[in-house]
Amino acid sequence: MNIKALAPTDGRYAAKVNSLRDILSEYGLIRFRVLVEVRWLQCMAADEAIAELPPFSAAVNSALQALVDDFSTADAHRVKEIEAITNHDVKAVEYLIREKLGEVDNSGEFEGFIHFACTSEDINNLAYALMLLRARNDILLPGMNALQDELQAMADNYADLPMLARTHGQTASPTTVGKEFANVVARLNRAQAQLSRVEIRGKFNGAVGNFNAHVAAYPEIDWPATSARFIESLGLGANPMTTQIEPHDWTAEYCHALIRYNTILLDFCRDIWSYISLGYFKQQIAENEVGSSTMPHKVNPIDFENAEGNLGLATAMLEHFATKLPVSRWQRDLTDSTVQRNFGVAIGYVLIALQSVQKGLGKLQANEQTISEDIDERWEVLGEAVQTVMRRYGIPEPYEKLKALTRGQPVTRELLQEFIQTLEIPDDAKTRLLALTPGGYIGLAESLAKTRTD
């Protein structure tokens, strides 16, 4: 751990986000820029309409592929050395590629086509798009899937364990512990699916989006079609109508989808924190862990608190990305790149939160005794069932009668059953009501808890 790191993602939590470093770091940005430059050069060489750039030999293609496959931290540092001279980060990548290909036979014949007709943002926007694509598909979605599996297992394990629900913080109709988990699974599944469907787009159309230089050099080529094929070959969607920059609308969609996921998970963390506070869940005790510097008995819900804090930080940053990036002064300004360089920090906070929630879930065990004791004497919750049956059979003022019986006073089994005995309803309905207990009044909660929503 770097004890002098300013960002916790590179200090205290560095080990938790290592999987993001090759993707969302400065190294990752340079590496994806190199990939875009190389693939564009290969794309042009394969285009018969560009006669001045004949198809590459196997040796040249091998050298180009090695630039991508074998890209190293030393290569990234070399780019930074060049940038220190050029004061231009994308131009430094172009010069690195020239250096690397300098020893390849006849490289002088195609050197002029490196970065051909490109503006820096053609390279940048595709690099950032590939970074966010990889971060989503390779890191975030698998992490979310792992968490969903844990939550669904809890839903299944506790599907039939009755517990009091609470609305407005007050006792409400019973549910089951598993159904509470299943509700969260359903919400997260939907939010995750929305994130996975965000189309990650790119542009590749020159300095102000009109293929000016392209047409000047090769007026006979259908450049919009060529551009679209190239972008799609990278696994991205093509945006044909842009200024110098891709307008980042899809980035806002990506961020907002992730914000919605974060919000649901944060809501879950707060609820679990509260259930732990009520004693509904016990946490496994690690022998050498300390819950408080002064109160030895404490076992704090630190994993859910950690997740809540990190989700809040991630959401604050993602909200800024979503509202800032689609807004640019005319064609472009450098506030975009300043902000985009923080993608890794925001997504890092999300990844830390996912791991913290999983760790916390691994410590949880339902305290069935406390949950049962809480529900067993809450006979007032059956007032809903009784007045609803009364409604079915046309008994006047059912709600008002149950309100007078149950509100603001102790309700016992005896009191409720005496009331039921006075009702003029069919015997089978009366029998069902008399057989009800608070723990048995769970509706379809058990089956709903086991319902798959993905």
Protein backbone atom coordinates (compact mmCIF):
# COMPACT_ATOMS: atom_id res chain seq x y z
CA MET A 1 0.00 0.00 0.00
CA ASN A 2 1.22 3.48 -0.88
CA ILE A 3 0.90 5.19 2.50
CA LYS A 4 1.21 8.62 0.84
CA ALA A 5 -1.51 8.07 -1.76
CA LEU A 6 -4.06 10.87 -1.93
CA ALA A 7 -6.87 8.69 -3.29
CA PRO A 8 -7.96 5.68 -1.20
CA THR A 9 -8.25 3.71 -4.43
CA ASP A 10 -4.46 3.90 -4.69
CA GLY A 11 -3.85 3.64 -0.95
CA ARG A 12 -6.01 1.85 1.60
CA TYR A 13 -8.13 0.05 -1.00
CA ALA A 14 -5.49 -0.40 -3.70
CA ALA A 15 -5.59 -4.20 -3.67
CA LYS A 16 -9.36 -4.21 -4.18
CA VAL A 17 -9.18 -2.38 -7.51
CA ASN A 18 -6.13 -3.99 -9.10
CA SER A 19 -8.32 -5.55 -11.80
CA LEU A 20 -9.10 -2.05 -13.09
CA ARG A 21 -5.53 -0.80 -13.39
CA ASP A 22 -4.74 -2.15 -16.85
CA ILE A 23 -8.05 -0.77 -18.13
CA LEU A 24 -8.79 2.61 -16.53
CA SER A 25 -5.37 3.99 -15.62
CA GLU A 26 -3.16 6.36 -17.62
CA TYR A 27 -1.38 3.23 -18.79
CA GLY A 28 -4.71 1.83 -19.95
CA LEU A 29 -5.58 5.02 -21.81
CA ILE A 30 -2.24 5.00 -23.67
CA ARG A 31 -2.57 1.29 -24.45
CA PHE A 32 -6.02 1.73 -25.97
CA ARG A 33 -4.82 4.74 -27.96
CA VAL A 34 -2.10 2.56 -29.43
CA LEU A 35 -4.66 -0.12 -30.25
CA VAL A 36 -6.89 2.39 -32.09
CA GLU A 37 -3.98 3.83 -34.07
CA VAL A 38 -2.76 0.37 -35.08
CA ARG A 39 -6.20 -0.90 -36.06
CA TRP A 40 -6.85 2.21 -38.16
CA LEU A 41 -3.56 1.73 -40.00
CA GLN A 42 -4.45 -1.92 -40.66
CA CYS A 43 -7.96 -0.93 -41.77
CA MET A 44 -6.59 1.47 -44.37
CA ALA A 45 -4.04 -1.03 -45.63
CA ALA A 46 -6.85 -3.51 -46.22
CA ASP A 47 -8.85 -0.96 -48.24
CA GLU A 48 -8.21 -1.39 -51.98
CA ALA A 49 -9.28 2.19 -52.64
CA ILE A 50 -6.19 3.47 -50.80
CA ALA A 51 -3.72 2.40 -53.45
CA GLU A 52 -0.80 4.28 -51.91
CA LEU A 53 -1.00 1.98 -48.87
CA PRO A 54 -0.78 -1.59 -50.18
CA PRO A 55 -1.77 -4.57 -48.03
CA PHE A 56 0.70 -5.26 -45.25
CA SER A 57 3.00 -8.22 -45.34
CA ALA A 58 2.79 -10.85 -42.63
CA ALA A 59 5.90 -9.35 -41.05
CA VAL A 60 4.40 -5.87 -40.85
CA ASN A 61 1.11 -7.15 -39.49
CA SER A 62 3.01 -9.22 -36.94
CA ALA A 63 4.97 -6.16 -35.83
CA LEU A 64 1.76 -4.13 -35.54
CA GLN A 65 0.07 -6.89 -33.57
CA ALA A 66 3.05 -7.06 -31.23
CA LEU A 67 2.64 -3.34 -30.56
CA VAL A 68 -0.82 -4.12 -29.19
CA ASP A 69 -0.27 -7.49 -27.56
CA ASP A 70 3.10 -6.73 -25.99
CA PHE A 71 2.42 -3.15 -24.92
CA SER A 72 4.24 -2.63 -21.63
CA THR A 73 4.61 -0.13 -18.85
CA ALA A 74 7.99 0.73 -20.39
CA ASP A 75 6.19 1.64 -23.60
CA ALA A 76 3.75 3.80 -21.66
CA HIS A 77 6.64 5.56 -19.90
CA ARG A 78 8.26 6.16 -23.28
CA VAL A 79 5.07 7.87 -24.46
CA LYS A 80 5.18 10.10 -21.39
CA GLU A 81 8.81 10.97 -22.16
CA ILE A 82 7.83 11.99 -25.68
CA GLU A 83 4.84 13.90 -24.35
CA ALA A 84 7.17 15.91 -22.11
CA ILE A 85 8.76 17.20 -25.32
CA THR A 86 5.70 17.52 -27.55
CA ASN A 87 3.28 18.64 -24.81
CA HIS A 88 0.67 16.58 -26.67
CA ASP A 89 -0.35 13.17 -25.40
CA VAL A 90 -1.89 11.75 -28.59
CA LYS A 91 0.94 12.95 -30.81
CA ALA A 92 3.31 11.20 -28.43
CA VAL A 93 1.51 7.90 -29.15
CA GLU A 94 1.94 8.48 -32.89
CA TYR A 95 5.66 9.05 -32.40
CA LEU A 96 5.99 5.90 -30.28
CA ILE A 97 4.44 3.85 -33.07
CA ARG A 98 6.85 5.41 -35.57
CA GLU A 99 9.74 4.46 -33.29
CA LYS A 100 8.54 0.90 -32.82
CA LEU A 101 8.03 0.36 -36.54
CA GLY A 102 11.28 2.03 -37.51
CA GLU A 103 13.11 -1.27 -37.74
CA VAL A 104 10.46 -2.94 -39.90
CA ASP A 105 11.38 -3.29 -43.57
CA ASN A 106 9.76 -0.67 -45.86
CA SER A 107 8.12 1.09 -42.88
CA GLY A 108 9.03 4.36 -44.54
CA GLU A 109 6.49 3.59 -47.23
CA PHE A 110 3.56 3.69 -44.83
CA GLU A 111 4.87 5.98 -42.08
CA GLY A 112 2.81 8.88 -43.44
CA PHE A 113 -0.38 6.90 -42.92
CA ILE A 114 0.09 6.59 -39.16
CA HIS A 115 -2.63 8.84 -37.67
CA PHE A 116 -3.87 9.55 -41.20
CA ALA A 117 -6.70 12.13 -41.36
CA CYS A 118 -7.21 11.80 -37.61
CA THR A 119 -7.86 14.44 -35.04
CA SER A 120 -6.74 13.63 -31.52
CA GLU A 121 -10.31 13.16 -30.41
CA ASP A 122 -10.84 10.43 -33.00
CA ILE A 123 -8.28 8.43 -31.06
CA ASN A 124 -9.29 9.60 -27.58
CA ASN A 125 -13.02 8.97 -27.82
CA LEU A 126 -12.52 5.43 -29.08
CA ALA A 127 -9.90 4.73 -26.42
CA TYR A 128 -12.21 5.90 -23.63
CA ALA A 129 -15.11 3.97 -25.14
CA LEU A 130 -13.02 0.79 -25.15
CA MET A 131 -11.93 1.45 -21.58
CA LEU A 132 -15.51 1.77 -20.33
CA LEU A 133 -16.61 -1.20 -22.44
CA ARG A 134 -13.95 -3.41 -20.88
CA ALA A 135 -14.59 -2.08 -17.38
CA ARG A 136 -18.29 -2.85 -17.71
CA ASN A 137 -18.06 -6.24 -19.41
CA ASP A 138 -14.96 -7.66 -17.74
CA ILE A 139 -15.17 -6.21 -14.22
CA LEU A 140 -18.48 -4.59 -13.24
CA LEU A 141 -20.97 -7.08 -14.69
CA PRO A 142 -19.14 -10.16 -13.35
CA GLY A 143 -18.91 -8.46 -9.95
CA MET A 144 -22.61 -7.69 -10.03
CA ASN A 145 -23.40 -11.27 -11.04
CA ALA A 146 -21.41 -12.62 -8.10
CA LEU A 147 -23.30 -10.34 -5.72
CA GLN A 148 -26.64 -11.34 -7.27
CA ASP A 149 -25.81 -14.99 -6.65
CA GLU A 150 -25.12 -14.27 -2.97
CA LEU A 151 -28.34 -12.30 -2.57
CA GLN A 152 -30.42 -14.95 -4.34
CA ALA A 153 -28.92 -17.61 -2.09
CA MET A 154 -30.05 -15.58 0.94
CA ALA A 155 -33.50 -15.21 -0.61
CA ASP A 156 -33.73 -18.97 -1.08
CA ASN A 157 -32.31 -19.87 2.34
CA TYR A 158 -34.69 -17.60 4.23
CA ALA A 159 -37.71 -17.76 1.91
CA ASP A 160 -39.93 -19.28 4.62
CA LEU A 161 -38.62 -17.39 7.67
CA PRO A 162 -41.41 -15.00 8.75
CA MET A 163 -40.51 -11.53 9.94
CA LEU A 164 -42.33 -8.32 10.66
CA ALA A 165 -42.22 -5.79 7.90
CA ARG A 166 -42.03 -2.15 8.82
CA THR A 167 -43.58 0.82 7.09
CA HIS A 168 -42.83 4.31 8.39
CA GLY A 169 -40.66 2.50 10.92
CA GLN A 170 -43.77 0.94 12.46
CA THR A 171 -44.99 -2.64 12.66
CA ALA A 172 -46.66 -3.73 9.42
CA SER A 173 -47.97 -6.92 7.81
CA PRO A 174 -45.48 -9.79 7.96
CA THR A 175 -43.20 -10.85 5.15
CA THR A 176 -40.27 -13.26 5.11
CA VAL A 177 -36.58 -12.57 5.38
CA GLY A 178 -36.07 -14.22 2.01
CA LYS A 179 -38.69 -12.06 0.31
CA GLU A 180 -36.87 -8.94 1.50
CA PHE A 181 -33.71 -10.19 -0.22
CA ALA A 182 -35.66 -11.19 -3.32
CA ASN A 183 -37.02 -7.66 -3.66
CA VAL A 184 -33.46 -6.35 -3.84
CA VAL A 185 -32.42 -9.05 -6.32
CA ALA A 186 -35.24 -8.04 -8.66
CA ARG A 187 -34.34 -4.36 -8.49
CA LEU A 188 -30.62 -4.96 -9.03
CA ASN A 189 -31.26 -7.37 -11.91
CA ARG A 190 -33.23 -4.71 -13.74
CA ALA A 191 -30.65 -1.98 -13.10
CA GLN A 192 -27.83 -4.30 -14.18
CA ALA A 193 -29.66 -5.20 -17.38
CA GLN A 194 -30.09 -1.51 -18.19
CA LEU A 195 -26.37 -0.91 -17.70
CA SER A 196 -25.50 -3.88 -19.92
CA ARG A 197 -27.73 -2.52 -22.71
CA VAL A 198 -26.17 0.94 -22.90
CA GLU A 199 -24.73 1.30 -26.40
CA ILE A 200 -21.11 2.40 -26.16
CA ARG A 201 -20.46 4.60 -29.17
CA GLY A 202 -17.58 6.22 -30.97
CA LYS A 203 -16.86 8.73 -33.71
CA PHE A 204 -14.08 8.75 -36.32
CA ASN A 205 -14.75 11.63 -38.70
CA GLY A 206 -11.96 14.15 -38.38
CA ALA A 207 -11.33 17.55 -36.93
CA VAL A 208 -14.90 18.90 -36.87
CA GLY A 209 -16.85 15.78 -37.77
CA ASN A 210 -17.16 16.35 -41.53
CA PHE A 211 -14.36 14.16 -42.99
CA ASN A 212 -12.76 17.32 -44.39
CA ALA A 213 -9.22 15.94 -44.68
CA HIS A 214 -10.44 12.51 -45.75
CA VAL A 215 -12.34 13.92 -48.73
CA ALA A 216 -9.46 16.21 -49.68
CA ALA A 217 -7.15 13.19 -49.95
CA TYR A 218 -9.55 10.54 -51.30
CA PRO A 219 -12.79 12.09 -52.60
CA GLU A 220 -13.86 8.83 -54.19
CA ILE A 221 -14.12 6.87 -50.90
CA ASP A 222 -17.37 6.54 -48.95
CA TRP A 223 -15.84 7.78 -45.72
CA PRO A 224 -18.94 7.56 -43.48
CA ALA A 225 -19.28 3.88 -44.38
CA THR A 226 -15.56 3.25 -43.88
CA SER A 227 -15.64 5.02 -40.53
CA ALA A 228 -18.67 3.03 -39.35
CA ARG A 229 -17.06 -0.28 -40.34
CA PHE A 230 -13.91 0.63 -38.48
CA ILE A 231 -15.70 1.66 -35.29
CA GLU A 232 -17.89 -1.43 -35.34
CA SER A 233 -14.83 -3.63 -35.85
CA LEU A 234 -13.72 -2.45 -32.40
CA GLY A 235 -16.99 -3.64 -30.85
CA LEU A 236 -18.49 -0.15 -30.59
CA GLY A 237 -21.51 1.58 -32.07
CA ALA A 238 -20.84 4.26 -34.69
CA ASN A 239 -22.04 7.82 -34.15
CA PRO A 240 -22.00 9.55 -37.57
CA MET A 241 -23.20 13.00 -36.48
CA THR A 242 -20.73 14.81 -34.25
CA THR A 243 -18.58 17.88 -33.88
CA GLN A 244 -14.89 17.39 -33.18
CA ILE A 245 -15.97 15.36 -30.17
CA GLU A 246 -18.36 12.49 -29.71
CA PRO A 247 -20.98 14.26 -27.57
CA HIS A 248 -20.78 11.82 -24.64
CA ASP A 249 -24.51 11.25 -24.44
CA TRP A 250 -23.92 7.52 -24.17
CA THR A 251 -21.42 8.19 -21.38
CA ALA A 252 -24.17 9.98 -19.47
CA GLU A 253 -26.48 7.00 -20.06
CA TYR A 254 -23.76 4.65 -18.79
CA CYS A 255 -23.19 6.79 -15.69
CA HIS A 256 -26.89 7.20 -14.96
CA ALA A 257 -27.46 3.44 -15.31
CA LEU A 258 -24.64 2.83 -12.84
CA ILE A 259 -26.04 5.49 -10.50
CA ARG A 260 -29.38 3.69 -10.44
CA TYR A 261 -27.64 0.43 -9.57
CA ASN A 262 -25.64 2.18 -6.84
CA THR A 263 -28.77 3.75 -5.37
CA ILE A 264 -30.52 0.40 -5.02
CA LEU A 265 -27.47 -1.20 -3.45
CA LEU A 266 -27.02 1.71 -1.05
CA ASP A 267 -30.68 1.38 -0.01
CA PHE A 268 -30.07 -2.30 0.69
CA CYS A 269 -26.98 -1.52 2.79
CA ARG A 270 -28.95 0.88 4.98
CA ASP A 271 -31.76 -1.62 5.47
CA ILE A 272 -29.37 -4.42 6.43
CA TRP A 273 -27.63 -2.03 8.82
CA SER A 274 -31.02 -1.39 10.46
CA TYR A 275 -31.89 -5.09 10.68
CA ILE A 276 -28.54 -5.77 12.32
CA SER A 277 -29.35 -2.97 14.77
CA LEU A 278 -32.69 -4.68 15.59
CA GLY A 279 -30.86 -7.94 16.20
CA TYR A 280 -32.44 -9.68 13.22
CA PHE A 281 -29.00 -10.66 11.97
CA LYS A 282 -25.94 -11.83 13.80
CA GLN A 283 -22.48 -11.28 12.32
CA GLN A 284 -19.76 -13.89 12.42
CA ILE A 285 -17.08 -12.90 14.87
CA ALA A 286 -13.42 -12.85 13.85
CA GLU A 287 -11.36 -13.66 16.93
CA ASN A 288 -8.85 -10.84 16.57
CA GLU A 289 -11.20 -8.17 15.20
CA VAL A 290 -11.97 -5.13 17.32
CA GLY A 291 -15.42 -3.52 17.10
CA SER A 292 -14.68 -0.56 19.32
CA SER A 293 -11.60 0.89 20.95
CA THR A 294 -13.49 1.14 24.25
CA MET A 295 -16.57 -1.15 24.09
CA PRO A 296 -15.40 -4.77 23.79
CA HIS A 297 -18.85 -6.22 23.09
CA LYS A 298 -19.41 -4.44 19.78
CA VAL A 299 -19.50 -6.16 16.39
CA ASN A 300 -20.07 -3.32 13.98
CA PRO A 301 -21.69 -3.62 10.52
CA ILE A 302 -18.59 -2.06 8.98
CA ASP A 303 -18.80 -3.77 5.59
CA PHE A 304 -22.22 -2.28 4.84
CA GLU A 305 -21.11 1.11 6.13
CA ASN A 306 -18.01 0.93 3.93
CA ALA A 307 -20.13 0.03 0.91
CA GLU A 308 -22.56 2.85 1.60
CA GLY A 309 -19.77 5.42 1.75
CA ASN A 310 -18.09 4.18 -1.40
CA LEU A 311 -21.36 4.03 -3.31
CA GLY A 312 -22.05 7.62 -2.33
CA LEU A 313 -18.65 8.75 -3.56
CA ALA A 314 -19.04 6.85 -6.83
CA THR A 315 -22.49 8.28 -7.44
CA ALA A 316 -21.34 11.85 -6.80
CA MET A 317 -18.58 11.46 -9.39
CA LEU A 318 -20.78 9.65 -11.91
CA GLU A 319 -23.41 12.36 -11.60
CA HIS A 320 -20.77 14.96 -12.42
CA PHE A 321 -19.61 12.96 -15.44
CA ALA A 322 -23.18 12.62 -16.69
CA THR A 323 -24.02 16.30 -16.44
CA LYS A 324 -20.64 17.74 -17.43
CA LEU A 325 -19.41 15.62 -20.33
CA PRO A 326 -22.33 16.20 -22.75
CA VAL A 327 -21.71 19.95 -22.39
CA SER A 328 -18.71 21.43 -24.21
CA ARG A 329 -17.73 24.89 -25.40
CA TRP A 330 -18.45 24.82 -29.13
CA GLN A 331 -16.45 22.01 -30.71
CA ARG A 332 -14.24 21.00 -27.80
CA ASP A 333 -12.34 22.04 -24.71
CA LEU A 334 -9.95 20.18 -22.45
CA THR A 335 -12.30 20.00 -19.47
CA ASP A 336 -13.48 16.70 -20.98
CA SER A 337 -10.15 14.92 -20.72
CA THR A 338 -9.59 16.32 -17.22
CA VAL A 339 -12.85 14.74 -16.11
CA GLN A 340 -12.56 11.50 -18.09
CA ARG A 341 -9.26 10.68 -16.42
CA ASN A 342 -11.29 10.10 -13.24
CA PHE A 343 -13.43 7.27 -14.65
CA GLY A 344 -11.19 4.77 -12.89
CA VAL A 345 -11.65 6.42 -9.51
CA ALA A 346 -15.46 6.38 -9.72
CA ILE A 347 -15.66 2.82 -10.99
CA GLY A 348 -13.05 1.85 -8.41
CA TYR A 349 -15.39 3.02 -5.65
CA VAL A 350 -18.19 0.89 -7.15
CA LEU A 351 -15.94 -2.16 -7.23
CA ILE A 352 -14.88 -1.63 -3.61
CA ALA A 353 -18.54 -1.38 -2.61
CA LEU A 354 -19.46 -4.60 -4.42
CA GLN A 355 -16.71 -6.45 -2.58
CA SER A 356 -17.68 -4.93 0.77
CA VAL A 357 -21.32 -5.98 0.40
CA GLN A 358 -20.27 -9.52 -0.50
CA LYS A 359 -17.96 -9.65 2.49
CA GLY A 360 -20.73 -8.38 4.75
CA LEU A 361 -23.21 -10.92 3.42
CA GLY A 362 -20.72 -13.67 4.12
CA LYS A 363 -20.81 -12.76 7.81
CA LEU A 364 -24.60 -12.56 8.14
CA GLN A 365 -26.72 -15.16 9.87
CA ALA A 366 -30.41 -14.64 10.57
CA ASN A 367 -31.15 -14.54 14.30
CA GLU A 368 -34.28 -16.66 14.08
CA GLN A 369 -35.02 -16.44 17.79
CA THR A 370 -35.08 -12.63 17.82
CA ILE A 371 -37.07 -12.47 14.59
CA SER A 372 -39.64 -14.97 15.89
CA GLU A 373 -39.96 -13.31 19.28
CA ASP A 374 -40.60 -9.99 17.56
CA ILE A 375 -43.41 -11.35 15.39
CA ASP A 376 -45.06 -13.89 17.70
CA GLU A 377 -46.85 -11.39 19.92
CA ARG A 378 -47.81 -8.89 17.23
CA TRP A 379 -51.40 -9.99 16.85
CA GLU A 380 -52.43 -6.52 15.73
CA VAL A 381 -50.98 -7.24 12.29
CA LEU A 382 -53.87 -9.63 11.66
CA GLY A 383 -56.28 -6.69 11.75
CA GLU A 384 -55.62 -6.24 8.03
CA ALA A 385 -56.68 -9.82 7.28
CA VAL A 386 -59.79 -9.67 9.43
CA GLN A 387 -61.11 -6.40 8.03
CA THR A 388 -60.43 -7.54 4.46
CA VAL A 389 -62.49 -10.72 4.99
CA MET A 390 -65.19 -8.56 6.57
CA ARG A 391 -65.22 -6.44 3.41
CA ARG A 392 -65.71 -9.55 1.29
CA TYR A 393 -68.84 -10.48 3.18
CA GLY A 394 -70.35 -7.01 3.32
CA ILE A 395 -69.99 -6.29 7.04
CA PRO A 396 -70.34 -2.51 7.48
CA GLU A 397 -67.44 -0.30 8.59
CA PRO A 398 -64.86 -3.12 8.78
CA TYR A 399 -61.84 -0.81 8.79
CA GLU A 400 -63.28 1.43 11.47
CA LYS A 401 -64.16 -1.51 13.70
CA LEU A 402 -60.67 -3.01 13.44
CA LYS A 403 -59.12 0.40 13.96
CA ALA A 404 -61.05 0.82 17.20
CA LEU A 405 -60.00 -2.67 18.29
CA THR A 406 -56.29 -2.55 17.40
CA ARG A 407 -54.94 0.98 17.18
CA GLY A 408 -52.80 2.30 20.01
CA GLN A 409 -53.48 -0.53 22.46
CA PRO A 410 -52.24 -4.03 23.14
CA VAL A 411 -53.85 -6.66 20.93
CA THR A 412 -53.75 -10.22 22.19
CA ARG A 413 -54.68 -13.47 20.55
CA GLU A 414 -57.64 -13.77 22.85
CA LEU A 415 -58.93 -10.26 22.09
CA LEU A 416 -58.69 -10.76 18.33
CA GLN A 417 -60.24 -14.22 18.35
CA GLU A 418 -63.12 -13.06 20.52
CA PHE A 419 -63.80 -10.38 17.94
CA ILE A 420 -63.64 -12.91 15.09
CA GLN A 421 -66.16 -15.14 16.88
CA THR A 422 -68.72 -12.29 16.77
CA LEU A 423 -68.52 -11.89 12.99
CA GLU A 424 -71.41 -13.00 10.84
CA ILE A 425 -69.33 -14.64 8.13
CA PRO A 426 -69.30 -18.21 6.71
CA ASP A 427 -67.89 -20.85 9.05
CA ASP A 428 -64.99 -21.77 6.73
CA ALA A 429 -63.89 -18.12 6.56
CA LYS A 430 -64.14 -17.81 10.34
CA THR A 431 -62.13 -21.00 10.76
CA ARG A 432 -59.38 -19.68 8.51
CA LEU A 433 -59.19 -16.41 10.43
CA LEU A 434 -59.11 -18.19 13.80
CA ALA A 435 -56.23 -20.38 12.57
CA LEU A 436 -54.11 -17.39 11.52
CA THR A 437 -51.02 -16.44 13.50
CA PRO A 438 -48.72 -13.47 12.93
CA GLY A 439 -45.98 -15.81 11.71
CA GLY A 440 -48.36 -17.59 9.36
CA TYR A 441 -49.71 -14.42 7.79
CA ILE A 442 -47.15 -14.10 5.00
CA GLY A 443 -49.27 -14.35 1.88
CA LEU A 444 -47.19 -15.57 -1.08
CA ALA A 445 -43.92 -14.32 0.35
CA GLU A 446 -42.23 -17.73 0.34
CA SER A 447 -42.96 -18.51 -3.31
CA LEU A 448 -42.20 -14.94 -4.38
CA ALA A 449 -38.84 -15.13 -2.64
CA LYS A 450 -37.90 -18.07 -4.83
CA THR A 451 -39.08 -16.46 -8.06
CA ARG A 452 -36.29 -15.75 -10.54
CA THR A 453 -36.47 -12.32 -12.17
CA ASP A 454 -33.45 -12.43 -14.48
